[in-house]
C-alpha atoms as a PDB file:
ATOM      1  CA  MET A   1      89.941 100.935 115.342  1.00  0.00           C
ATOM      2  CA  PHE A   2      91.862  98.464 114.359  1.00  0.00           C
ATOM      3  CA  HIS A   3      95.439  98.641 112.748  1.00  0.00           C
ATOM      4  CA  ASP A   4      96.174  97.865 108.857  1.00  0.00           C
ATOM      5  CA  PHE A   5      97.930  94.583 110.384  1.00  0.00           C
ATOM      6  CA  MET A   6      96.811  91.837 112.822  1.00  0.00           C
ATOM      7  CA  ASP A   7      99.873  91.844 114.585  1.00  0.00           C
ATOM      8  CA  PRO A   8     102.719  94.686 114.950  1.00  0.00           C
ATOM      9  CA  TYR A   9     104.922  92.048 116.541  1.00  0.00           C
ATOM     10  CA  SER A  10     105.078  89.208 114.355  1.00  0.00           C
ATOM     11  CA  ASN A  11     107.745  88.669 112.025  1.00  0.00           C
ATOM     12  CA  PRO A  12     106.597  89.258 109.103  1.00  0.00           C
ATOM     13  CA  LYS A  13     103.604  91.295 109.958  1.00  0.00           C
ATOM     14  CA  VAL A  14     100.159  89.409 109.174  1.00  0.00           C
ATOM     15  CA  ASN A  15      98.428  91.461 106.460  1.00  0.00           C
ATOM     16  CA  ARG A  16      94.341  92.597 107.286  1.00  0.00           C
ATOM     17  CA  VAL A  17      92.160  92.726 104.631  1.00  0.00           C
ATOM     18  CA  ASP A  18      88.905  93.979 103.964  1.00  0.00           C
ATOM     19  CA  SER A  19      85.871  92.281 102.821  1.00  0.00           C
ATOM     20  CA  ASN A  20      86.604  91.879  99.325  1.00  0.00           C
ATOM     21  CA  GLY A  21      89.761  90.888 100.101  1.00  0.00           C
ATOM     22  CA  VAL A  22      91.689  93.588  99.299  1.00  0.00           C
ATOM     23  CA  VAL A  23      95.157  94.414 101.678  1.00  0.00           C
ATOM     24  CA  CYS A  24      95.978  96.859 103.896  1.00  0.00           C
ATOM     25  CA  THR A  25      99.355  96.901 104.692  1.00  0.00           C
ATOM     26  CA  ASN A  26     102.646  98.806 103.501  1.00  0.00           C
ATOM     27  CA  SER A  27     100.030 101.084 101.478  1.00  0.00           C
ATOM     28  CA  ASN A  28     100.424 104.678 103.147  1.00  0.00           C
ATOM     29  CA  GLY A  29      97.890 104.196 105.653  1.00  0.00           C
ATOM     30  CA  VAL A  30      96.821 106.239 108.449  1.00  0.00           C
ATOM     31  CA  MET A  31      96.549 102.901 110.402  1.00  0.00           C
ATOM     32  CA  ASP A  32      99.544 100.985 109.119  1.00  0.00           C
ATOM     33  CA  TYR A  33     103.135 101.792 110.354  1.00  0.00           C
ATOM     34  CA  TYR A  34     103.946 102.967 106.788  1.00  0.00           C
ATOM     35  CA  VAL A  35     106.826 105.591 105.792  1.00  0.00           C
ATOM     36  CA  VAL A  36     104.403 107.841 104.674  1.00  0.00           C
ATOM     37  CA  ILE A  37     101.164 108.445 105.744  1.00  0.00           C
ATOM     38  CA  GLN A  38      98.600 109.690 102.440  1.00  0.00           C
ATOM     39  CA  LYS A  39      95.102 107.747 103.421  1.00  0.00           C
ATOM     40  CA  TRP A  40      92.449 106.244 105.183  1.00  0.00           C
ATOM     41  CA  THR A  41      92.725 102.657 104.193  1.00  0.00           C
ATOM     42  CA  THR A  42      89.819 100.519 102.771  1.00  0.00           C
ATOM     43  CA  CYS A  43      90.122  98.381 106.307  1.00  0.00           C
ATOM     44  CA  SER A  44      89.860 101.562 108.429  1.00  0.00           C
ATOM     45  CA  VAL A  45      87.028 103.002 106.291  1.00  0.00           C
ATOM     46  CA  GLU A  46      84.906  99.729 106.750  1.00  0.00           C
ATOM     47  CA  ALA A  47      85.597  99.703 110.676  1.00  0.00           C
ATOM     48  CA  PHE A  48      85.106 103.345 110.898  1.00  0.00           C
ATOM     49  CA  THR A  49      81.571 102.908 109.132  1.00  0.00           C
ATOM     50  CA  ASN A  50      80.563  99.617 111.011  1.00  0.00           C
ATOM     51  CA  GLN A  51      81.282 101.398 113.843  1.00  0.00           C
ATOM     52  CA  TYR A  52      79.093 104.747 113.057  1.00  0.00           C
ATOM     53  CA  ASN A  53      76.580 101.814 111.796  1.00  0.00           C
ATOM     54  CA  TYR A  54      76.439 100.173 115.129  1.00  0.00           C
ATOM     55  CA  ILE A  55      75.835 103.552 117.238  1.00  0.00           C
ATOM     56  CA  GLY A  56      72.339 103.811 115.259  1.00  0.00           C
ATOM     57  CA  SER A  57      70.245 105.730 116.836  1.00  0.00           C
ATOM     58  CA  GLY A  58      71.967 106.928 119.441  1.00  0.00           C
ATOM     59  CA  SER A  59      73.180 110.495 120.245  1.00  0.00           C
ATOM     60  CA  TYR A  60      76.629 111.585 118.632  1.00  0.00           C
ATOM     61  CA  CYS A  61      78.090 114.455 116.732  1.00  0.00           C
ATOM     62  CA  LEU A  62      78.541 113.274 113.422  1.00  0.00           C
ATOM     63  CA  PHE A  63      77.547 114.345 109.787  1.00  0.00           C
ATOM     64  CA  SER A  64      75.392 111.674 108.405  1.00  0.00           C
ATOM     65  CA  PRO A  65      76.652 111.439 104.903  1.00  0.00           C
ATOM     66  CA  THR A  66      73.118 110.381 103.942  1.00  0.00           C
ATOM     67  CA  THR A  67      70.967 113.172 105.452  1.00  0.00           C
ATOM     68  CA  GLY A  68      73.992 116.131 106.056  1.00  0.00           C
ATOM     69  CA  VAL A  69      72.163 116.597 109.758  1.00  0.00           C
ATOM     70  CA  VAL A  70      74.154 115.871 112.984  1.00  0.00           C
ATOM     71  CA  GLY A  71      72.880 112.255 115.028  1.00  0.00           C
ATOM     72  CA  LYS A  72      70.688 111.408 111.657  1.00  0.00           C
END
């Protein structure tokens, strides 16, 4: 999963945006270096969802959000 900014060494940091154009930086996200970590940002949720869907029909240990069954 990517951080919620494009390059941690750029000054200023370049914000990462989700597919709807929502900025994910400086919003208390887990994958940002913000002071208070409170949530997964929409960028992180999209990245996780894309990886989950990429695995597709493979075998994995996560519950499907639609069926509630491990591995689909």
